[in-house]
Amino acid sequence: MPVATLERTLNAPLDYCWAWLANFGALDKLHPPGNLTEFSCEGSHIGARRFARFKPELGVEGQIIERLDVAVPQRVIVRHWLLM
């Protein structure tokens, strides 16, 4: 199974950054307006799923389904996704 890791260094307080990243239901707020054509989310708890479709110009065809698997406050978030 492919694995992707993303690491960034930000000049911002950890609590502020974590609040944005840990809110599983905020995907529509993390992308510029208009990028998502559909979005819904079941919550921000472990096991929650979110469903998204992006505008065709972004090159992502089909529906993305993500599941929140692990969230260790201020350290790590693990999500698995499937492109349908």
N, C-alpha and C. Protein backbone atom coordinates (compact mmCIF):
# COMPACT_ATOMS: atom_id res chain seq x y z
N MET A 1 0.84 -1.17 0.00
CA MET A 1 0.00 0.00 0.00
C MET A 1 0.90 1.24 0.00
N PRO A 2 0.61 2.22 -0.87
CA PRO A 2 1.40 3.45 -0.90
C PRO A 2 1.22 4.25 0.38
N VAL A 3 2.27 4.91 0.80
CA VAL A 3 2.24 5.75 1.99
C VAL A 3 2.76 7.13 1.62
N ALA A 4 2.08 8.16 2.08
CA ALA A 4 2.54 9.53 1.83
C ALA A 4 2.76 10.21 3.16
N THR A 5 3.84 10.94 3.27
CA THR A 5 4.16 11.70 4.47
C THR A 5 4.36 13.15 4.06
N LEU A 6 3.73 14.04 4.79
CA LEU A 6 3.88 15.47 4.52
C LEU A 6 4.39 16.14 5.78
N GLU A 7 5.46 16.89 5.65
CA GLU A 7 6.02 17.61 6.78
C GLU A 7 6.25 19.05 6.38
N ARG A 8 5.82 19.98 7.21
CA ARG A 8 6.01 21.41 6.96
C ARG A 8 6.43 22.09 8.25
N THR A 9 7.24 23.12 8.15
CA THR A 9 7.61 23.95 9.29
C THR A 9 6.91 25.29 9.11
N LEU A 10 6.15 25.69 10.11
CA LEU A 10 5.39 26.92 10.05
C LEU A 10 5.83 27.86 11.16
N ASN A 11 5.78 29.14 10.88
CA ASN A 11 6.05 30.14 11.90
C ASN A 11 4.72 30.56 12.52
N ALA A 12 4.13 29.64 13.30
CA ALA A 12 2.83 29.87 13.93
C ALA A 12 2.77 29.02 15.19
N PRO A 13 1.95 29.43 16.16
CA PRO A 13 1.83 28.65 17.39
C PRO A 13 1.28 27.25 17.11
N LEU A 14 1.82 26.27 17.81
CA LEU A 14 1.41 24.87 17.64
C LEU A 14 -0.09 24.70 17.88
N ASP A 15 -0.64 25.31 18.92
CA ASP A 15 -2.07 25.16 19.21
C ASP A 15 -2.94 25.65 18.06
N TYR A 16 -2.54 26.75 17.44
CA TYR A 16 -3.29 27.31 16.32
C TYR A 16 -3.28 26.35 15.13
N CYS A 17 -2.10 25.86 14.77
CA CYS A 17 -1.97 24.94 13.63
C CYS A 17 -2.73 23.64 13.90
N TRP A 18 -2.57 23.11 15.09
CA TRP A 18 -3.23 21.84 15.42
C TRP A 18 -4.75 21.99 15.33
N ALA A 19 -5.29 23.11 15.77
CA ALA A 19 -6.74 23.32 15.72
C ALA A 19 -7.26 23.21 14.29
N TRP A 20 -6.53 23.73 13.33
CA TRP A 20 -6.94 23.63 11.92
C TRP A 20 -6.80 22.22 11.39
N LEU A 21 -5.67 21.59 11.65
CA LEU A 21 -5.41 20.26 11.09
C LEU A 21 -6.26 19.18 11.74
N ALA A 22 -6.52 19.31 13.03
CA ALA A 22 -7.26 18.27 13.75
C ALA A 22 -8.76 18.32 13.48
N ASN A 23 -9.26 19.41 12.93
CA ASN A 23 -10.69 19.51 12.63
C ASN A 23 -10.95 18.79 11.31
N PHE A 24 -11.27 17.53 11.40
CA PHE A 24 -11.46 16.67 10.23
C PHE A 24 -12.56 17.20 9.32
N GLY A 25 -13.52 17.90 9.89
CA GLY A 25 -14.63 18.42 9.11
C GLY A 25 -14.36 19.76 8.45
N ALA A 26 -13.13 20.27 8.53
CA ALA A 26 -12.82 21.61 8.01
C ALA A 26 -12.13 21.59 6.65
N LEU A 27 -12.19 20.48 5.94
CA LEU A 27 -11.51 20.41 4.64
C LEU A 27 -11.95 21.53 3.71
N ASP A 28 -13.22 21.86 3.75
CA ASP A 28 -13.73 22.92 2.87
C ASP A 28 -13.17 24.30 3.24
N LYS A 29 -12.66 24.45 4.46
CA LYS A 29 -12.07 25.72 4.89
C LYS A 29 -10.57 25.76 4.62
N LEU A 30 -9.97 24.62 4.38
CA LEU A 30 -8.53 24.55 4.11
C LEU A 30 -8.21 24.75 2.64
N HIS A 31 -9.20 24.61 1.77
CA HIS A 31 -9.00 24.78 0.33
C HIS A 31 -9.57 26.12 -0.11
N PRO A 32 -9.00 26.71 -1.14
CA PRO A 32 -9.57 27.96 -1.66
C PRO A 32 -11.02 27.75 -2.11
N PRO A 33 -11.86 28.77 -1.98
CA PRO A 33 -13.26 28.65 -2.40
C PRO A 33 -13.37 28.17 -3.85
N GLY A 34 -14.26 27.23 -4.07
CA GLY A 34 -14.50 26.71 -5.42
C GLY A 34 -13.74 25.45 -5.76
N ASN A 35 -12.72 25.09 -4.97
CA ASN A 35 -11.96 23.87 -5.27
C ASN A 35 -12.80 22.61 -5.05
N LEU A 36 -13.64 22.62 -4.03
CA LEU A 36 -14.50 21.48 -3.74
C LEU A 36 -15.85 21.68 -4.39
N THR A 37 -16.30 20.66 -5.12
CA THR A 37 -17.63 20.73 -5.71
C THR A 37 -18.65 20.02 -4.81
N GLU A 38 -18.19 19.10 -3.97
CA GLU A 38 -19.03 18.41 -2.99
C GLU A 38 -18.19 18.13 -1.76
N PHE A 39 -18.81 18.25 -0.58
CA PHE A 39 -18.10 17.91 0.65
C PHE A 39 -19.10 17.57 1.74
N SER A 40 -18.85 16.47 2.46
CA SER A 40 -19.62 16.13 3.65
C SER A 40 -18.69 15.38 4.60
N CYS A 41 -19.03 15.42 5.89
CA CYS A 41 -18.18 14.80 6.90
C CYS A 41 -19.04 14.27 8.03
N GLU A 42 -18.65 13.13 8.59
CA GLU A 42 -19.39 12.48 9.67
C GLU A 42 -18.97 12.95 11.06
N GLY A 43 -17.93 13.76 11.18
CA GLY A 43 -17.45 14.22 12.48
C GLY A 43 -15.94 14.27 12.51
N SER A 44 -15.37 14.51 13.69
CA SER A 44 -13.90 14.57 13.84
C SER A 44 -13.39 13.49 14.78
N HIS A 45 -14.15 12.45 15.00
CA HIS A 45 -13.76 11.36 15.88
C HIS A 45 -13.03 10.26 15.10
N ILE A 46 -12.29 9.42 15.80
CA ILE A 46 -11.62 8.29 15.17
C ILE A 46 -12.67 7.42 14.50
N GLY A 47 -12.43 7.07 13.25
CA GLY A 47 -13.38 6.27 12.48
C GLY A 47 -14.29 7.11 11.61
N ALA A 48 -14.32 8.43 11.83
CA ALA A 48 -15.17 9.30 11.02
C ALA A 48 -14.69 9.27 9.57
N ARG A 49 -15.62 9.48 8.67
CA ARG A 49 -15.29 9.53 7.24
C ARG A 49 -15.72 10.88 6.68
N ARG A 50 -14.98 11.33 5.65
CA ARG A 50 -15.39 12.52 4.92
C ARG A 50 -15.33 12.21 3.43
N PHE A 51 -16.19 12.88 2.70
CA PHE A 51 -16.37 12.61 1.28
C PHE A 51 -16.20 13.91 0.52
N ALA A 52 -15.40 13.90 -0.54
CA ALA A 52 -15.14 15.14 -1.28
C ALA A 52 -14.98 14.86 -2.77
N ARG A 53 -15.37 15.84 -3.54
CA ARG A 53 -15.10 15.87 -4.98
C ARG A 53 -14.50 17.24 -5.28
N PHE A 54 -13.49 17.24 -6.15
CA PHE A 54 -12.81 18.48 -6.52
C PHE A 54 -13.18 18.88 -7.94
N LYS A 55 -13.04 20.17 -8.23
CA LYS A 55 -13.33 20.63 -9.59
C LYS A 55 -12.36 19.95 -10.55
N PRO A 56 -12.80 19.64 -11.76
CA PRO A 56 -12.01 18.85 -12.71
C PRO A 56 -10.65 19.46 -13.04
N GLU A 57 -10.53 20.78 -13.01
CA GLU A 57 -9.26 21.42 -13.35
C GLU A 57 -8.12 21.03 -12.41
N LEU A 58 -8.44 20.51 -11.23
CA LEU A 58 -7.41 20.11 -10.28
C LEU A 58 -6.84 18.73 -10.59
N GLY A 59 -7.45 18.01 -11.54
CA GLY A 59 -6.91 16.72 -11.96
C GLY A 59 -7.24 15.56 -11.04
N VAL A 60 -8.19 15.74 -10.13
CA VAL A 60 -8.61 14.66 -9.23
C VAL A 60 -10.01 14.25 -9.66
N GLU A 61 -10.10 13.12 -10.34
CA GLU A 61 -11.41 12.66 -10.82
C GLU A 61 -12.01 11.68 -9.83
N GLY A 62 -13.30 11.72 -9.66
CA GLY A 62 -13.99 10.81 -8.76
C GLY A 62 -14.11 11.37 -7.36
N GLN A 63 -14.69 10.56 -6.50
CA GLN A 63 -14.92 10.96 -5.12
C GLN A 63 -13.78 10.45 -4.24
N ILE A 64 -13.31 11.31 -3.34
CA ILE A 64 -12.30 10.91 -2.36
C ILE A 64 -13.03 10.62 -1.06
N ILE A 65 -12.75 9.45 -0.50
CA ILE A 65 -13.31 9.07 0.79
C ILE A 65 -12.13 8.89 1.75
N GLU A 66 -12.12 9.66 2.83
CA GLU A 66 -11.06 9.58 3.83
C GLU A 66 -11.64 9.08 5.15
N ARG A 67 -10.83 8.31 5.88
CA ARG A 67 -11.21 7.86 7.22
C ARG A 67 -10.14 8.32 8.20
N LEU A 68 -10.56 8.90 9.32
CA LEU A 68 -9.62 9.33 10.35
C LEU A 68 -9.28 8.13 11.21
N ASP A 69 -8.01 7.71 11.20
CA ASP A 69 -7.59 6.51 11.92
C ASP A 69 -6.88 6.79 13.22
N VAL A 70 -6.04 7.82 13.27
CA VAL A 70 -5.24 8.13 14.46
C VAL A 70 -5.16 9.63 14.61
N ALA A 71 -5.30 10.10 15.84
CA ALA A 71 -5.07 11.52 16.14
C ALA A 71 -4.43 11.61 17.52
N VAL A 72 -3.15 11.93 17.55
CA VAL A 72 -2.42 12.13 18.80
C VAL A 72 -2.23 13.64 18.93
N PRO A 73 -2.95 14.28 19.87
CA PRO A 73 -2.93 15.74 19.95
C PRO A 73 -1.53 16.36 19.82
N GLN A 74 -1.46 17.31 18.91
CA GLN A 74 -0.29 18.12 18.63
C GLN A 74 0.92 17.30 18.16
N ARG A 75 0.67 16.11 17.63
CA ARG A 75 1.79 15.30 17.15
C ARG A 75 1.54 14.65 15.79
N VAL A 76 0.43 13.92 15.66
CA VAL A 76 0.23 13.15 14.43
C VAL A 76 -1.25 12.94 14.13
N ILE A 77 -1.55 12.93 12.83
CA ILE A 77 -2.88 12.58 12.34
C ILE A 77 -2.67 11.55 11.24
N VAL A 78 -3.40 10.45 11.30
CA VAL A 78 -3.31 9.42 10.26
C VAL A 78 -4.67 9.29 9.62
N ARG A 79 -4.67 9.44 8.30
CA ARG A 79 -5.90 9.31 7.51
C ARG A 79 -5.66 8.33 6.39
N HIS A 80 -6.63 7.51 6.11
CA HIS A 80 -6.57 6.64 4.94
C HIS A 80 -7.61 7.15 3.96
N TRP A 81 -7.25 7.16 2.70
CA TRP A 81 -8.20 7.64 1.70
C TRP A 81 -8.28 6.69 0.53
N LEU A 82 -9.41 6.78 -0.12
CA LEU A 82 -9.72 5.94 -1.26
C LEU A 82 -10.31 6.84 -2.34
N LEU A 83 -9.86 6.68 -3.55
CA LEU A 83 -10.41 7.45 -4.67
C LEU A 83 -11.37 6.54 -5.41
N MET A 84 -12.65 6.95 -5.44
CA MET A 84 -13.69 6.12 -6.08
C MET A 84 -13.97 6.65 -7.46
